[in-house]
All heavy atoms as atom14 arrays in JSON, in Angstrom:
{
  "sequence": "FRSSGQDLTTWGTYTEMVSRFTEPVLLALAILAMRSRIK",
  "atom14_mask": [
    [1, 1, 1, 1, 1, 1, 1, 1, 1, 1, 1, 0, 0, 0],
    [1, 1, 1, 1, 1, 1, 1, 1, 1, 1, 1, 0, 0, 0],
    [1, 1, 1, 1, 1, 1, 0, 0, 0, 0, 0, 0, 0, 0],
    [1, 1, 1, 1, 1, 1, 0, 0, 0, 0, 0, 0, 0, 0],
    [1, 1, 1, 1, 0, 0, 0, 0, 0, 0, 0, 0, 0, 0],
    [1, 1, 1, 1, 1, 1, 1, 1, 1, 0, 0, 0, 0, 0],
    [1, 1, 1, 1, 1, 1, 1, 1, 0, 0, 0, 0, 0, 0],
    [1, 1, 1, 1, 1, 1, 1, 1, 0, 0, 0, 0, 0, 0],
    [1, 1, 1, 1, 1, 1, 1, 0, 0, 0, 0, 0, 0, 0],
    [1, 1, 1, 1, 1, 1, 1, 0, 0, 0, 0, 0, 0, 0],
    [1, 1, 1, 1, 1, 1, 1, 1, 1, 1, 1, 1, 1, 1],
    [1, 1, 1, 1, 0, 0, 0, 0, 0, 0, 0, 0, 0, 0],
    [1, 1, 1, 1, 1, 1, 1, 0, 0, 0, 0, 0, 0, 0],
    [1, 1, 1, 1, 1, 1, 1, 1, 1, 1, 1, 1, 0, 0],
    [1, 1, 1, 1, 1, 1, 1, 0, 0, 0, 0, 0, 0, 0],
    [1, 1, 1, 1, 1, 1, 1, 1, 1, 0, 0, 0, 0, 0],
    [1, 1, 1, 1, 1, 1, 1, 1, 0, 0, 0, 0, 0, 0],
    [1, 1, 1, 1, 1, 1, 1, 0, 0, 0, 0, 0, 0, 0],
    [1, 1, 1, 1, 1, 1, 0, 0, 0, 0, 0, 0, 0, 0],
    [1, 1, 1, 1, 1, 1, 1, 1, 1, 1, 1, 0, 0, 0],
    [1, 1, 1, 1, 1, 1, 1, 1, 1, 1, 1, 0, 0, 0],
    [1, 1, 1, 1, 1, 1, 1, 0, 0, 0, 0, 0, 0, 0],
    [1, 1, 1, 1, 1, 1, 1, 1, 1, 0, 0, 0, 0, 0],
    [1, 1, 1, 1, 1, 1, 1, 0, 0, 0, 0, 0, 0, 0],
    [1, 1, 1, 1, 1, 1, 1, 0, 0, 0, 0, 0, 0, 0],
    [1, 1, 1, 1, 1, 1, 1, 1, 0, 0, 0, 0, 0, 0],
    [1, 1, 1, 1, 1, 1, 1, 1, 0, 0, 0, 0, 0, 0],
    [1, 1, 1, 1, 1, 0, 0, 0, 0, 0, 0, 0, 0, 0],
    [1, 1, 1, 1, 1, 1, 1, 1, 0, 0, 0, 0, 0, 0],
    [1, 1, 1, 1, 1, 0, 0, 0, 0, 0, 0, 0, 0, 0],
    [1, 1, 1, 1, 1, 1, 1, 1, 0, 0, 0, 0, 0, 0],
    [1, 1, 1, 1, 1, 1, 1, 1, 0, 0, 0, 0, 0, 0],
    [1, 1, 1, 1, 1, 0, 0, 0, 0, 0, 0, 0, 0, 0],
    [1, 1, 1, 1, 1, 1, 1, 1, 0, 0, 0, 0, 0, 0],
    [1, 1, 1, 1, 1, 1, 1, 1, 1, 1, 1, 0, 0, 0],
    [1, 1, 1, 1, 1, 1, 0, 0, 0, 0, 0, 0, 0, 0],
    [1, 1, 1, 1, 1, 1, 1, 1, 1, 1, 1, 0, 0, 0],
    [1, 1, 1, 1, 1, 1, 1, 1, 0, 0, 0, 0, 0, 0],
    [1, 1, 1, 1, 1, 1, 1, 1, 1, 0, 0, 0, 0, 0]
  ],
  "atom14_positions": [
    [[6.52, 3.58, -8.86], [5.61, 4.36, -8.05], [5.37, 5.7, -8.76], [6.22, 6.17, -9.58], [6.19, 4.6, -6.73], [6.63, 3.33, -5.99], [7.9, 3.0, -5.85], [5.59, 2.63, -5.4], [8.26, 1.9, -5.26], [5.93, 1.47, -4.7], [7.25, 1.08, -4.65], [0.0, 0.0, 0.0], [0.0, 0.0, 0.0], [0.0, 0.0, 0.0]],
    [[4.28, 6.31, -8.41], [4.05, 7.69, -8.86], [4.4, 8.62, -7.72], [3.97, 8.47, -6.61], [2.49, 7.82, -9.14], [2.02, 7.04, -10.23], [0.52, 7.21, -10.48], [-0.29, 7.28, -9.35], [-0.82, 6.26, -8.67], [-0.66, 5.02, -9.2], [-1.57, 6.39, -7.63], [0.0, 0.0, 0.0], [0.0, 0.0, 0.0], [0.0, 0.0, 0.0]],
    [[5.16, 9.57, -8.06], [5.63, 10.58, -7.03], [4.41, 11.42, -6.64], [3.63, 11.8, -7.46], [6.8, 11.39, -7.53], [7.14, 12.32, -6.57], [0.0, 0.0, 0.0], [0.0, 0.0, 0.0], [0.0, 0.0, 0.0], [0.0, 0.0, 0.0], [0.0, 0.0, 0.0], [0.0, 0.0, 0.0], [0.0, 0.0, 0.0], [0.0, 0.0, 0.0]],
    [[4.4, 11.83, -5.33], [3.31, 12.73, -4.93], [3.57, 14.11, -5.31], [2.64, 14.93, -5.18], [3.12, 12.59, -3.37], [4.31, 13.03, -2.73], [0.0, 0.0, 0.0], [0.0, 0.0, 0.0], [0.0, 0.0, 0.0], [0.0, 0.0, 0.0], [0.0, 0.0, 0.0], [0.0, 0.0, 0.0], [0.0, 0.0, 0.0], [0.0, 0.0, 0.0]],
    [[4.73, 14.52, -5.65], [5.03, 15.82, -6.04], [5.37, 16.73, -4.9], [5.7, 17.92, -5.05], [0.0, 0.0, 0.0], [0.0, 0.0, 0.0], [0.0, 0.0, 0.0], [0.0, 0.0, 0.0], [0.0, 0.0, 0.0], [0.0, 0.0, 0.0], [0.0, 0.0, 0.0], [0.0, 0.0, 0.0], [0.0, 0.0, 0.0], [0.0, 0.0, 0.0]],
    [[5.37, 16.2, -3.65], [5.71, 16.9, -2.52], [7.23, 16.78, -2.22], [7.87, 15.78, -2.6], [5.0, 16.47, -1.31], [3.56, 16.6, -1.41], [2.78, 16.05, -0.19], [3.35, 15.31, 0.64], [1.51, 16.29, -0.05], [0.0, 0.0, 0.0], [0.0, 0.0, 0.0], [0.0, 0.0, 0.0], [0.0, 0.0, 0.0], [0.0, 0.0, 0.0]],
    [[7.86, 17.86, -1.63], [9.26, 17.72, -1.27], [9.31, 17.06, 0.07], [8.98, 17.53, 1.16], [9.86, 19.13, -1.17], [9.99, 19.75, -2.45], [10.07, 19.02, -3.51], [9.96, 21.02, -2.55], [0.0, 0.0, 0.0], [0.0, 0.0, 0.0], [0.0, 0.0, 0.0], [0.0, 0.0, 0.0], [0.0, 0.0, 0.0], [0.0, 0.0, 0.0]],
    [[9.74, 15.77, 0.06], [9.81, 14.92, 1.25], [11.3, 14.68, 1.58], [12.17, 14.73, 0.73], [9.09, 13.6, 1.08], [7.66, 13.63, 0.75], [7.15, 12.23, 0.44], [6.91, 14.27, 1.94], [0.0, 0.0, 0.0], [0.0, 0.0, 0.0], [0.0, 0.0, 0.0], [0.0, 0.0, 0.0], [0.0, 0.0, 0.0], [0.0, 0.0, 0.0]],
    [[11.6, 14.28, 2.84], [12.91, 13.9, 3.16], [13.14, 12.49, 2.59], [12.3, 11.86, 2.05], [13.06, 13.82, 4.69], [12.14, 12.88, 5.28], [12.8, 15.19, 5.37], [0.0, 0.0, 0.0], [0.0, 0.0, 0.0], [0.0, 0.0, 0.0], [0.0, 0.0, 0.0], [0.0, 0.0, 0.0], [0.0, 0.0, 0.0], [0.0, 0.0, 0.0]],
    [[14.39, 12.04, 2.69], [14.69, 10.71, 2.16], [13.88, 9.62, 2.79], [13.28, 8.8, 2.19], [16.18, 10.4, 2.37], [16.99, 11.41, 1.73], [16.61, 9.1, 1.84], [0.0, 0.0, 0.0], [0.0, 0.0, 0.0], [0.0, 0.0, 0.0], [0.0, 0.0, 0.0], [0.0, 0.0, 0.0], [0.0, 0.0, 0.0], [0.0, 0.0, 0.0]],
    [[13.73, 9.69, 4.2], [12.95, 8.7, 4.85], [11.45, 8.87, 4.5], [10.74, 7.88, 4.34], [13.08, 8.89, 6.32], [14.4, 8.33, 6.86], [15.5, 9.09, 7.21], [14.77, 6.94, 7.03], [16.51, 8.16, 7.65], [16.03, 6.95, 7.45], [14.04, 5.77, 6.83], [16.67, 5.69, 7.7], [14.7, 4.59, 7.04], [16.01, 4.6, 7.46]],
    [[10.95, 10.03, 4.25], [9.63, 10.24, 3.85], [9.3, 9.63, 2.47], [8.27, 9.13, 2.27], [0.0, 0.0, 0.0], [0.0, 0.0, 0.0], [0.0, 0.0, 0.0], [0.0, 0.0, 0.0], [0.0, 0.0, 0.0], [0.0, 0.0, 0.0], [0.0, 0.0, 0.0], [0.0, 0.0, 0.0], [0.0, 0.0, 0.0], [0.0, 0.0, 0.0]],
    [[10.31, 9.84, 1.6], [10.15, 9.26, 0.24], [10.06, 7.73, 0.27], [9.21, 7.16, -0.4], [11.35, 9.76, -0.65], [11.35, 11.16, -0.62], [11.14, 9.19, -2.09], [0.0, 0.0, 0.0], [0.0, 0.0, 0.0], [0.0, 0.0, 0.0], [0.0, 0.0, 0.0], [0.0, 0.0, 0.0], [0.0, 0.0, 0.0], [0.0, 0.0, 0.0]],
    [[10.95, 7.13, 1.05], [10.97, 5.74, 1.11], [9.72, 5.18, 1.85], [9.21, 4.13, 1.48], [12.23, 5.13, 1.72], [13.42, 5.27, 0.85], [14.6, 5.94, 1.17], [13.41, 4.77, -0.5], [15.64, 6.11, 0.3], [14.41, 4.9, -1.29], [15.6, 5.53, -0.94], [16.65, 5.68, -1.8], [0.0, 0.0, 0.0], [0.0, 0.0, 0.0]],
    [[9.27, 5.92, 2.85], [8.06, 5.49, 3.55], [6.89, 5.57, 2.62], [6.02, 4.64, 2.59], [7.76, 6.47, 4.76], [8.95, 6.38, 5.65], [6.54, 6.07, 5.53], [0.0, 0.0, 0.0], [0.0, 0.0, 0.0], [0.0, 0.0, 0.0], [0.0, 0.0, 0.0], [0.0, 0.0, 0.0], [0.0, 0.0, 0.0], [0.0, 0.0, 0.0]],
    [[6.81, 6.59, 1.75], [5.71, 6.67, 0.74], [5.81, 5.48, -0.23], [4.72, 4.94, -0.56], [5.84, 8.03, 0.0], [4.75, 8.25, -1.02], [4.9, 9.47, -1.78], [6.1, 9.97, -1.99], [3.87, 10.05, -2.26], [0.0, 0.0, 0.0], [0.0, 0.0, 0.0], [0.0, 0.0, 0.0], [0.0, 0.0, 0.0], [0.0, 0.0, 0.0]],
    [[6.97, 5.17, -0.66], [7.12, 4.0, -1.54], [6.68, 2.73, -0.96], [5.99, 1.94, -1.61], [8.58, 3.9, -2.01], [9.03, 5.01, -2.95], [10.79, 4.73, -3.35], [11.11, 6.25, -4.23], [0.0, 0.0, 0.0], [0.0, 0.0, 0.0], [0.0, 0.0, 0.0], [0.0, 0.0, 0.0], [0.0, 0.0, 0.0], [0.0, 0.0, 0.0]],
    [[7.05, 2.49, 0.3], [6.66, 1.24, 0.94], [5.14, 1.2, 1.17], [4.53, 0.19, 0.96], [7.46, 1.15, 2.36], [6.82, 0.02, 3.17], [8.91, 0.87, 2.13], [0.0, 0.0, 0.0], [0.0, 0.0, 0.0], [0.0, 0.0, 0.0], [0.0, 0.0, 0.0], [0.0, 0.0, 0.0], [0.0, 0.0, 0.0], [0.0, 0.0, 0.0]],
    [[4.58, 2.35, 1.55], [3.13, 2.33, 1.75], [2.35, 2.15, 0.39], [1.35, 1.45, 0.36], [2.65, 3.64, 2.38], [2.77, 4.75, 1.52], [0.0, 0.0, 0.0], [0.0, 0.0, 0.0], [0.0, 0.0, 0.0], [0.0, 0.0, 0.0], [0.0, 0.0, 0.0], [0.0, 0.0, 0.0], [0.0, 0.0, 0.0], [0.0, 0.0, 0.0]],
    [[2.92, 2.7, -0.7], [2.25, 2.46, -1.93], [2.37, 1.04, -2.41], [1.48, 0.56, -3.15], [2.84, 3.42, -3.06], [2.45, 4.8, -2.91], [2.99, 5.66, -4.03], [2.69, 7.04, -3.94], [1.67, 7.62, -4.42], [0.83, 6.91, -5.18], [1.49, 8.9, -4.3], [0.0, 0.0, 0.0], [0.0, 0.0, 0.0], [0.0, 0.0, 0.0]],
    [[3.41, 0.3, -1.97], [3.53, -1.09, -2.28], [2.63, -1.93, -1.41], [2.02, -2.91, -1.88], [4.96, -1.54, -2.22], [5.12, -2.98, -2.44], [5.05, -3.52, -3.79], [5.38, -3.88, -1.43], [5.23, -4.83, -3.99], [5.55, -5.18, -1.67], [5.5, -5.69, -2.95], [0.0, 0.0, 0.0], [0.0, 0.0, 0.0], [0.0, 0.0, 0.0]],
    [[2.55, -1.6, -0.08], [1.84, -2.52, 0.82], [0.32, -2.27, 0.84], [-0.38, -3.26, 1.13], [2.34, -2.33, 2.25], [2.25, -1.01, 2.57], [3.8, -2.78, 2.43], [0.0, 0.0, 0.0], [0.0, 0.0, 0.0], [0.0, 0.0, 0.0], [0.0, 0.0, 0.0], [0.0, 0.0, 0.0], [0.0, 0.0, 0.0], [0.0, 0.0, 0.0]],
    [[-0.12, -1.12, 0.41], [-1.59, -0.97, 0.47], [-2.33, -1.91, -0.47], [-3.34, -2.51, -0.07], [-1.9, 0.55, 0.05], [-1.54, 1.53, 1.14], [-1.69, 3.0, 0.78], [-2.02, 3.19, -0.44], [-1.34, 3.8, 1.51], [0.0, 0.0, 0.0], [0.0, 0.0, 0.0], [0.0, 0.0, 0.0], [0.0, 0.0, 0.0], [0.0, 0.0, 0.0]],
    [[-1.93, -2.12, -1.78], [-2.64, -3.11, -2.58], [-2.53, -4.51, -2.03], [-3.45, -5.23, -2.17], [-1.96, -2.89, -3.93], [-1.29, -1.64, -3.92], [-0.92, -1.33, -2.53], [0.0, 0.0, 0.0], [0.0, 0.0, 0.0], [0.0, 0.0, 0.0], [0.0, 0.0, 0.0], [0.0, 0.0, 0.0], [0.0, 0.0, 0.0], [0.0, 0.0, 0.0]],
    [[-1.39, -4.84, -1.43], [-1.14, -6.15, -0.88], [-2.16, -6.4, 0.26], [-2.8, -7.46, 0.34], [0.27, -6.38, -0.43], [0.42, -7.66, 0.37], [1.23, -6.34, -1.6], [0.0, 0.0, 0.0], [0.0, 0.0, 0.0], [0.0, 0.0, 0.0], [0.0, 0.0, 0.0], [0.0, 0.0, 0.0], [0.0, 0.0, 0.0], [0.0, 0.0, 0.0]],
    [[-2.29, -5.42, 1.15], [-3.21, -5.57, 2.28], [-4.66, -5.6, 1.79], [-5.45, -6.34, 2.31], [-3.0, -4.44, 3.31], [-1.68, -4.45, 4.05], [-1.55, -3.2, 4.86], [-1.56, -5.69, 4.85], [0.0, 0.0, 0.0], [0.0, 0.0, 0.0], [0.0, 0.0, 0.0], [0.0, 0.0, 0.0], [0.0, 0.0, 0.0], [0.0, 0.0, 0.0]],
    [[-5.02, -4.85, 0.76], [-6.32, -4.9, 0.25], [-6.58, -6.24, -0.38], [-7.76, -6.76, -0.19], [-6.47, -3.79, -0.82], [-7.85, -3.61, -1.53], [-8.93, -3.23, -0.44], [-7.78, -2.55, -2.59], [0.0, 0.0, 0.0], [0.0, 0.0, 0.0], [0.0, 0.0, 0.0], [0.0, 0.0, 0.0], [0.0, 0.0, 0.0], [0.0, 0.0, 0.0]],
    [[-5.68, -6.74, -1.1], [-5.9, -8.12, -1.69], [-6.06, -9.23, -0.63], [-6.96, -10.09, -0.75], [-4.73, -8.48, -2.59], [0.0, 0.0, 0.0], [0.0, 0.0, 0.0], [0.0, 0.0, 0.0], [0.0, 0.0, 0.0], [0.0, 0.0, 0.0], [0.0, 0.0, 0.0], [0.0, 0.0, 0.0], [0.0, 0.0, 0.0], [0.0, 0.0, 0.0]],
    [[-5.35, -9.14, 0.48], [-5.47, -10.01, 1.56], [-6.83, -9.9, 2.25], [-7.49, -10.92, 2.62], [-4.31, -9.83, 2.56], [-2.96, -10.34, 2.12], [-1.89, -9.93, 3.11], [-2.97, -11.82, 1.89], [0.0, 0.0, 0.0], [0.0, 0.0, 0.0], [0.0, 0.0, 0.0], [0.0, 0.0, 0.0], [0.0, 0.0, 0.0], [0.0, 0.0, 0.0]],
    [[-7.31, -8.68, 2.37], [-8.6, -8.45, 3.03], [-9.71, -9.06, 2.12], [-10.67, -9.68, 2.63], [-8.85, -6.97, 3.22], [0.0, 0.0, 0.0], [0.0, 0.0, 0.0], [0.0, 0.0, 0.0], [0.0, 0.0, 0.0], [0.0, 0.0, 0.0], [0.0, 0.0, 0.0], [0.0, 0.0, 0.0], [0.0, 0.0, 0.0], [0.0, 0.0, 0.0]],
    [[-9.61, -8.86, 0.83], [-10.61, -9.41, -0.13], [-10.57, -10.95, -0.08], [-11.65, -11.59, -0.02], [-10.4, -8.97, -1.52], [-10.62, -7.36, -1.56], [-11.1, -9.66, -2.57], [-10.27, -6.7, -2.87], [0.0, 0.0, 0.0], [0.0, 0.0, 0.0], [0.0, 0.0, 0.0], [0.0, 0.0, 0.0], [0.0, 0.0, 0.0], [0.0, 0.0, 0.0]],
    [[-9.39, -11.52, -0.04], [-9.32, -12.96, 0.09], [-9.92, -13.5, 1.39], [-10.58, -14.51, 1.44], [-7.83, -13.46, -0.06], [-7.28, -13.38, -1.43], [-5.77, -13.76, -1.41], [-8.01, -14.36, -2.38], [0.0, 0.0, 0.0], [0.0, 0.0, 0.0], [0.0, 0.0, 0.0], [0.0, 0.0, 0.0], [0.0, 0.0, 0.0], [0.0, 0.0, 0.0]],
    [[-9.68, -12.77, 2.55], [-10.26, -13.17, 3.79], [-11.77, -13.11, 3.75], [-12.45, -14.01, 4.29], [-9.69, -12.28, 4.93], [0.0, 0.0, 0.0], [0.0, 0.0, 0.0], [0.0, 0.0, 0.0], [0.0, 0.0, 0.0], [0.0, 0.0, 0.0], [0.0, 0.0, 0.0], [0.0, 0.0, 0.0], [0.0, 0.0, 0.0], [0.0, 0.0, 0.0]],
    [[-12.34, -12.04, 3.16], [-13.84, -11.97, 3.06], [-14.35, -13.01, 2.18], [-15.41, -13.61, 2.45], [-14.21, -10.54, 2.49], [-13.99, -9.43, 3.51], [-14.68, -7.86, 2.98], [-13.97, -7.59, 1.38], [0.0, 0.0, 0.0], [0.0, 0.0, 0.0], [0.0, 0.0, 0.0], [0.0, 0.0, 0.0], [0.0, 0.0, 0.0], [0.0, 0.0, 0.0]],
    [[-13.63, -13.32, 1.08], [-14.11, -14.36, 0.15], [-14.14, -15.74, 0.86], [-15.11, -16.51, 0.64], [-13.08, -14.45, -1.06], [-13.53, -15.44, -2.06], [-12.58, -15.34, -3.21], [-12.75, -16.53, -4.03], [-11.84, -17.33, -4.41], [-10.55, -17.2, -3.93], [-12.0, -18.47, -5.17], [0.0, 0.0, 0.0], [0.0, 0.0, 0.0], [0.0, 0.0, 0.0]],
    [[-13.13, -16.05, 1.68], [-13.14, -17.29, 2.34], [-14.21, -17.4, 3.43], [-14.8, -18.47, 3.62], [-11.74, -17.58, 2.95], [-11.58, -16.69, 4.02], [0.0, 0.0, 0.0], [0.0, 0.0, 0.0], [0.0, 0.0, 0.0], [0.0, 0.0, 0.0], [0.0, 0.0, 0.0], [0.0, 0.0, 0.0], [0.0, 0.0, 0.0], [0.0, 0.0, 0.0]],
    [[-14.59, -16.23, 4.07], [-15.64, -16.22, 4.96], [-17.03, -16.36, 4.31], [-17.9, -17.01, 4.93], [-15.66, -14.9, 5.8], [-14.43, -14.77, 6.67], [-14.42, -15.78, 7.74], [-15.39, -15.44, 8.81], [-15.59, -16.16, 9.88], [-14.85, -17.26, 10.14], [-16.53, -15.85, 10.73], [0.0, 0.0, 0.0], [0.0, 0.0, 0.0], [0.0, 0.0, 0.0]],
    [[-17.18, -15.83, 3.12], [-18.47, -15.91, 2.46], [-18.61, -17.37, 1.86], [-19.77, -17.79, 1.89], [-18.53, -14.9, 1.29], [-18.56, -13.45, 1.93], [-19.66, -15.09, 0.38], [-18.4, -12.32, 0.9], [0.0, 0.0, 0.0], [0.0, 0.0, 0.0], [0.0, 0.0, 0.0], [0.0, 0.0, 0.0], [0.0, 0.0, 0.0], [0.0, 0.0, 0.0]],
    [[-17.63, -17.99, 1.5], [-17.75, -19.31, 0.88], [-18.1, -20.37, 1.94], [-18.66, -21.46, 1.6], [-16.46, -19.73, 0.21], [-16.15, -19.04, -1.08], [-14.84, -19.43, -1.66], [-15.07, -20.66, -2.49], [-13.86, -21.04, -3.25], [0.0, 0.0, 0.0], [0.0, 0.0, 0.0], [0.0, 0.0, 0.0], [0.0, 0.0, 0.0], [0.0, 0.0, 0.0]]
  ]
}
């Protein structure tokens, strides 16, 4: 991950890491859902 450079708490840091991982996964799932609807 790329750090945001902000001073976060431990929970905030891990929340940021989880969101940075899940955002591309959710975007890929949305693209696959649109692709299946278009086909």
